[in-house]
Amino acid sequence: MNYEEMKIKLQSRLKPSRYEHSVGVAETAVFLAERFHVDVDKARIAGLLHGLPSTSIQLSSSLRRLRAEVLPLGQWKRKCLFCFMAM
């Protein structure tokens, strides 16, 4: 599943305000990834899925696998926290 497909799936399942927020976070994640030389695609996906509560949405198996692969980016999250503090 690519990013655009994820966006479509999320849009059909989230409130409009939550969806717009998630897309905005994805765009911010891309900006930070480019600035700090981390994987832009993973950052975009992590930003899009960052607030996705796994208990309120039945995730497809491919989305669940992707979330499991992308979101445990502890080092990336720490690096981004450092990025915000350094700005």
N, C-alpha and C. Protein backbone atom coordinates (compact mmCIF):
# COMPACT_ATOMS: atom_id res chain seq x y z
N MET A 1 0.85 -1.17 0.00
CA MET A 1 0.00 0.00 0.00
C MET A 1 0.90 1.24 0.00
N ASN A 2 0.66 2.14 -0.93
CA ASN A 2 1.49 3.34 -0.97
C ASN A 2 0.85 4.47 -0.15
N TYR A 3 1.55 5.57 -0.06
CA TYR A 3 1.11 6.70 0.77
C TYR A 3 -0.26 7.22 0.35
N GLU A 4 -0.47 7.39 -0.94
CA GLU A 4 -1.76 7.91 -1.42
C GLU A 4 -2.91 6.96 -1.08
N GLU A 5 -2.66 5.67 -1.18
CA GLU A 5 -3.69 4.70 -0.82
C GLU A 5 -3.99 4.76 0.68
N MET A 6 -2.96 4.96 1.48
CA MET A 6 -3.15 5.10 2.93
C MET A 6 -3.99 6.34 3.23
N LYS A 7 -3.69 7.43 2.54
CA LYS A 7 -4.46 8.66 2.75
C LYS A 7 -5.94 8.44 2.45
N ILE A 8 -6.23 7.78 1.35
CA ILE A 8 -7.62 7.52 0.97
C ILE A 8 -8.31 6.66 2.03
N LYS A 9 -7.62 5.63 2.48
CA LYS A 9 -8.19 4.74 3.50
C LYS A 9 -8.43 5.49 4.80
N LEU A 10 -7.47 6.31 5.20
CA LEU A 10 -7.64 7.07 6.44
C LEU A 10 -8.76 8.09 6.32
N GLN A 11 -8.84 8.75 5.17
CA GLN A 11 -9.85 9.77 4.98
C GLN A 11 -11.26 9.19 5.13
N SER A 12 -11.43 7.96 4.69
CA SER A 12 -12.74 7.34 4.80
C SER A 12 -13.07 6.89 6.22
N ARG A 13 -12.07 6.87 7.09
CA ARG A 13 -12.28 6.34 8.45
C ARG A 13 -12.12 7.37 9.55
N LEU A 14 -11.55 8.52 9.24
CA LEU A 14 -11.31 9.53 10.28
C LEU A 14 -12.25 10.71 10.11
N LYS A 15 -12.47 11.45 11.18
CA LYS A 15 -13.18 12.72 11.10
C LYS A 15 -12.36 13.64 10.21
N PRO A 16 -13.01 14.55 9.48
CA PRO A 16 -12.25 15.45 8.60
C PRO A 16 -11.15 16.23 9.32
N SER A 17 -11.43 16.69 10.51
CA SER A 17 -10.41 17.46 11.23
C SER A 17 -9.21 16.59 11.61
N ARG A 18 -9.46 15.34 12.00
CA ARG A 18 -8.37 14.42 12.35
C ARG A 18 -7.56 14.06 11.12
N TYR A 19 -8.24 13.87 10.00
CA TYR A 19 -7.55 13.55 8.75
C TYR A 19 -6.65 14.72 8.33
N GLU A 20 -7.18 15.93 8.34
CA GLU A 20 -6.39 17.10 7.95
C GLU A 20 -5.19 17.27 8.87
N HIS A 21 -5.39 17.03 10.16
CA HIS A 21 -4.28 17.10 11.11
C HIS A 21 -3.19 16.09 10.76
N SER A 22 -3.60 14.86 10.46
CA SER A 22 -2.64 13.80 10.14
C SER A 22 -1.84 14.13 8.88
N VAL A 23 -2.51 14.66 7.87
CA VAL A 23 -1.82 15.04 6.64
C VAL A 23 -0.84 16.18 6.92
N GLY A 24 -1.24 17.13 7.75
CA GLY A 24 -0.34 18.22 8.13
C GLY A 24 0.88 17.73 8.88
N VAL A 25 0.69 16.77 9.76
CA VAL A 25 1.82 16.20 10.50
C VAL A 25 2.75 15.47 9.53
N ALA A 26 2.17 14.78 8.54
CA ALA A 26 2.99 14.09 7.54
C ALA A 26 3.85 15.08 6.77
N GLU A 27 3.27 16.22 6.40
CA GLU A 27 4.02 17.25 5.67
C GLU A 27 5.14 17.83 6.54
N THR A 28 4.86 18.06 7.80
CA THR A 28 5.88 18.55 8.72
C THR A 28 6.99 17.52 8.90
N ALA A 29 6.60 16.25 8.98
CA ALA A 29 7.59 15.18 9.12
C ALA A 29 8.53 15.13 7.91
N VAL A 30 7.98 15.37 6.72
CA VAL A 30 8.82 15.39 5.52
C VAL A 30 9.83 16.53 5.61
N PHE A 31 9.36 17.71 6.01
CA PHE A 31 10.25 18.86 6.15
C PHE A 31 11.41 18.54 7.11
N LEU A 32 11.06 17.97 8.26
CA LEU A 32 12.09 17.65 9.25
C LEU A 32 13.02 16.54 8.76
N ALA A 33 12.48 15.56 8.08
CA ALA A 33 13.31 14.46 7.57
C ALA A 33 14.33 14.98 6.55
N GLU A 34 13.87 15.87 5.67
CA GLU A 34 14.79 16.45 4.69
C GLU A 34 15.86 17.28 5.38
N ARG A 35 15.46 18.04 6.38
CA ARG A 35 16.41 18.91 7.07
C ARG A 35 17.45 18.13 7.85
N PHE A 36 17.04 17.00 8.41
CA PHE A 36 17.94 16.25 9.28
C PHE A 36 18.38 14.92 8.68
N HIS A 37 18.18 14.78 7.38
CA HIS A 37 18.72 13.66 6.61
C HIS A 37 18.32 12.29 7.14
N VAL A 38 17.02 12.14 7.35
CA VAL A 38 16.48 10.82 7.68
C VAL A 38 15.52 10.41 6.57
N ASP A 39 15.09 9.18 6.57
CA ASP A 39 14.27 8.62 5.50
C ASP A 39 12.94 9.38 5.37
N VAL A 40 12.77 10.08 4.25
CA VAL A 40 11.60 10.92 4.02
C VAL A 40 10.32 10.08 3.91
N ASP A 41 10.38 8.96 3.22
CA ASP A 41 9.19 8.12 3.06
C ASP A 41 8.70 7.57 4.39
N LYS A 42 9.62 7.11 5.21
CA LYS A 42 9.22 6.60 6.52
C LYS A 42 8.67 7.73 7.39
N ALA A 43 9.28 8.89 7.30
CA ALA A 43 8.80 10.03 8.08
C ALA A 43 7.39 10.42 7.65
N ARG A 44 7.14 10.45 6.35
CA ARG A 44 5.82 10.81 5.83
C ARG A 44 4.76 9.84 6.35
N ILE A 45 5.06 8.56 6.28
CA ILE A 45 4.10 7.54 6.73
C ILE A 45 3.91 7.62 8.24
N ALA A 46 5.01 7.77 8.98
CA ALA A 46 4.90 7.89 10.43
C ALA A 46 4.08 9.10 10.82
N GLY A 47 4.28 10.21 10.10
CA GLY A 47 3.49 11.41 10.37
C GLY A 47 2.01 11.19 10.10
N LEU A 48 1.71 10.53 9.00
CA LEU A 48 0.32 10.27 8.65
C LEU A 48 -0.35 9.36 9.67
N LEU A 49 0.37 8.37 10.16
CA LEU A 49 -0.21 7.38 11.06
C LEU A 49 0.03 7.67 12.53
N HIS A 50 0.67 8.81 12.84
CA HIS A 50 1.12 9.05 14.21
C HIS A 50 0.01 8.98 15.25
N GLY A 51 -1.15 9.48 14.93
CA GLY A 51 -2.21 9.53 15.94
C GLY A 51 -3.28 8.48 15.74
N LEU A 52 -2.99 7.52 14.93
CA LEU A 52 -3.98 6.50 14.62
C LEU A 52 -4.15 5.56 15.80
N PRO A 53 -5.27 5.65 16.47
CA PRO A 53 -5.48 4.77 17.62
C PRO A 53 -5.84 3.37 17.15
N SER A 54 -5.03 2.43 17.43
CA SER A 54 -5.25 1.07 16.93
C SER A 54 -6.50 0.44 17.53
N THR A 55 -6.98 0.98 18.62
CA THR A 55 -8.18 0.39 19.22
C THR A 55 -9.46 0.89 18.55
N SER A 56 -9.44 2.06 17.92
CA SER A 56 -10.69 2.60 17.38
C SER A 56 -10.87 2.32 15.90
N ILE A 57 -9.84 1.86 15.23
CA ILE A 57 -9.94 1.58 13.80
C ILE A 57 -9.45 0.17 13.54
N GLN A 58 -10.19 -0.56 12.78
CA GLN A 58 -9.77 -1.91 12.40
C GLN A 58 -8.80 -1.77 11.22
N LEU A 59 -7.53 -1.94 11.48
CA LEU A 59 -6.52 -1.76 10.44
C LEU A 59 -6.43 -2.99 9.56
N SER A 60 -6.24 -2.75 8.28
CA SER A 60 -5.99 -3.88 7.39
C SER A 60 -4.64 -4.49 7.77
N SER A 61 -4.42 -5.72 7.38
CA SER A 61 -3.17 -6.38 7.76
C SER A 61 -1.97 -5.67 7.16
N SER A 62 -2.10 -5.13 5.94
CA SER A 62 -0.95 -4.44 5.34
C SER A 62 -0.66 -3.13 6.07
N LEU A 63 -1.70 -2.42 6.46
CA LEU A 63 -1.50 -1.18 7.19
C LEU A 63 -0.93 -1.48 8.58
N ARG A 64 -1.40 -2.53 9.21
CA ARG A 64 -0.90 -2.92 10.53
C ARG A 64 0.58 -3.29 10.45
N ARG A 65 0.97 -4.02 9.39
CA ARG A 65 2.38 -4.38 9.21
C ARG A 65 3.22 -3.13 9.01
N LEU A 66 2.72 -2.22 8.17
CA LEU A 66 3.46 -1.00 7.88
C LEU A 66 3.63 -0.17 9.15
N ARG A 67 2.56 -0.06 9.93
CA ARG A 67 2.65 0.70 11.17
C ARG A 67 3.67 0.06 12.12
N ALA A 68 3.65 -1.25 12.19
CA ALA A 68 4.61 -1.95 13.06
C ALA A 68 6.04 -1.73 12.60
N GLU A 69 6.23 -1.60 11.29
CA GLU A 69 7.57 -1.41 10.75
C GLU A 69 8.04 0.02 10.89
N VAL A 70 7.16 0.98 10.69
CA VAL A 70 7.56 2.39 10.62
C VAL A 70 7.50 3.08 11.97
N LEU A 71 6.48 2.84 12.77
CA LEU A 71 6.31 3.63 13.98
C LEU A 71 7.28 3.33 15.10
N PRO A 72 7.85 2.13 15.21
CA PRO A 72 8.82 1.95 16.28
C PRO A 72 10.17 2.61 15.96
N LEU A 73 10.12 3.83 15.55
CA LEU A 73 11.35 4.53 15.18
C LEU A 73 11.82 5.36 16.36
N GLY A 74 12.15 4.69 17.44
CA GLY A 74 12.55 5.39 18.65
C GLY A 74 13.69 6.36 18.41
N GLN A 75 14.69 5.94 17.65
CA GLN A 75 15.81 6.84 17.38
C GLN A 75 15.35 8.03 16.56
N TRP A 76 14.47 7.77 15.58
CA TRP A 76 13.97 8.86 14.73
C TRP A 76 13.18 9.84 15.56
N LYS A 77 12.33 9.33 16.45
CA LYS A 77 11.53 10.22 17.29
C LYS A 77 12.43 11.05 18.19
N ARG A 78 13.45 10.42 18.78
CA ARG A 78 14.37 11.18 19.63
C ARG A 78 15.10 12.25 18.82
N LYS A 79 15.48 11.90 17.59
CA LYS A 79 16.18 12.85 16.74
C LYS A 79 15.25 14.03 16.42
N CYS A 80 13.98 13.74 16.14
CA CYS A 80 13.04 14.82 15.85
C CYS A 80 12.80 15.70 17.07
N LEU A 81 12.71 15.09 18.25
CA LEU A 81 12.55 15.88 19.46
C LEU A 81 13.75 16.80 19.62
N PHE A 82 14.94 16.28 19.37
CA PHE A 82 16.14 17.10 19.43
C PHE A 82 16.06 18.21 18.38
N CYS A 83 15.53 17.89 17.18
CA CYS A 83 15.42 18.88 16.11
C CYS A 83 14.53 20.05 16.56
N PHE A 84 13.40 19.72 17.18
CA PHE A 84 12.51 20.78 17.63
C PHE A 84 13.17 21.64 18.71
N MET A 85 13.90 21.01 19.59
CA MET A 85 14.56 21.74 20.66
C MET A 85 15.68 22.62 20.10
N ALA A 86 16.29 22.21 19.00
CA ALA A 86 17.40 22.97 18.43
C ALA A 86 16.94 24.13 17.57
N MET A 87 15.66 24.13 17.20
CA MET A 87 15.16 25.18 16.29
C MET A 87 14.98 26.50 17.00
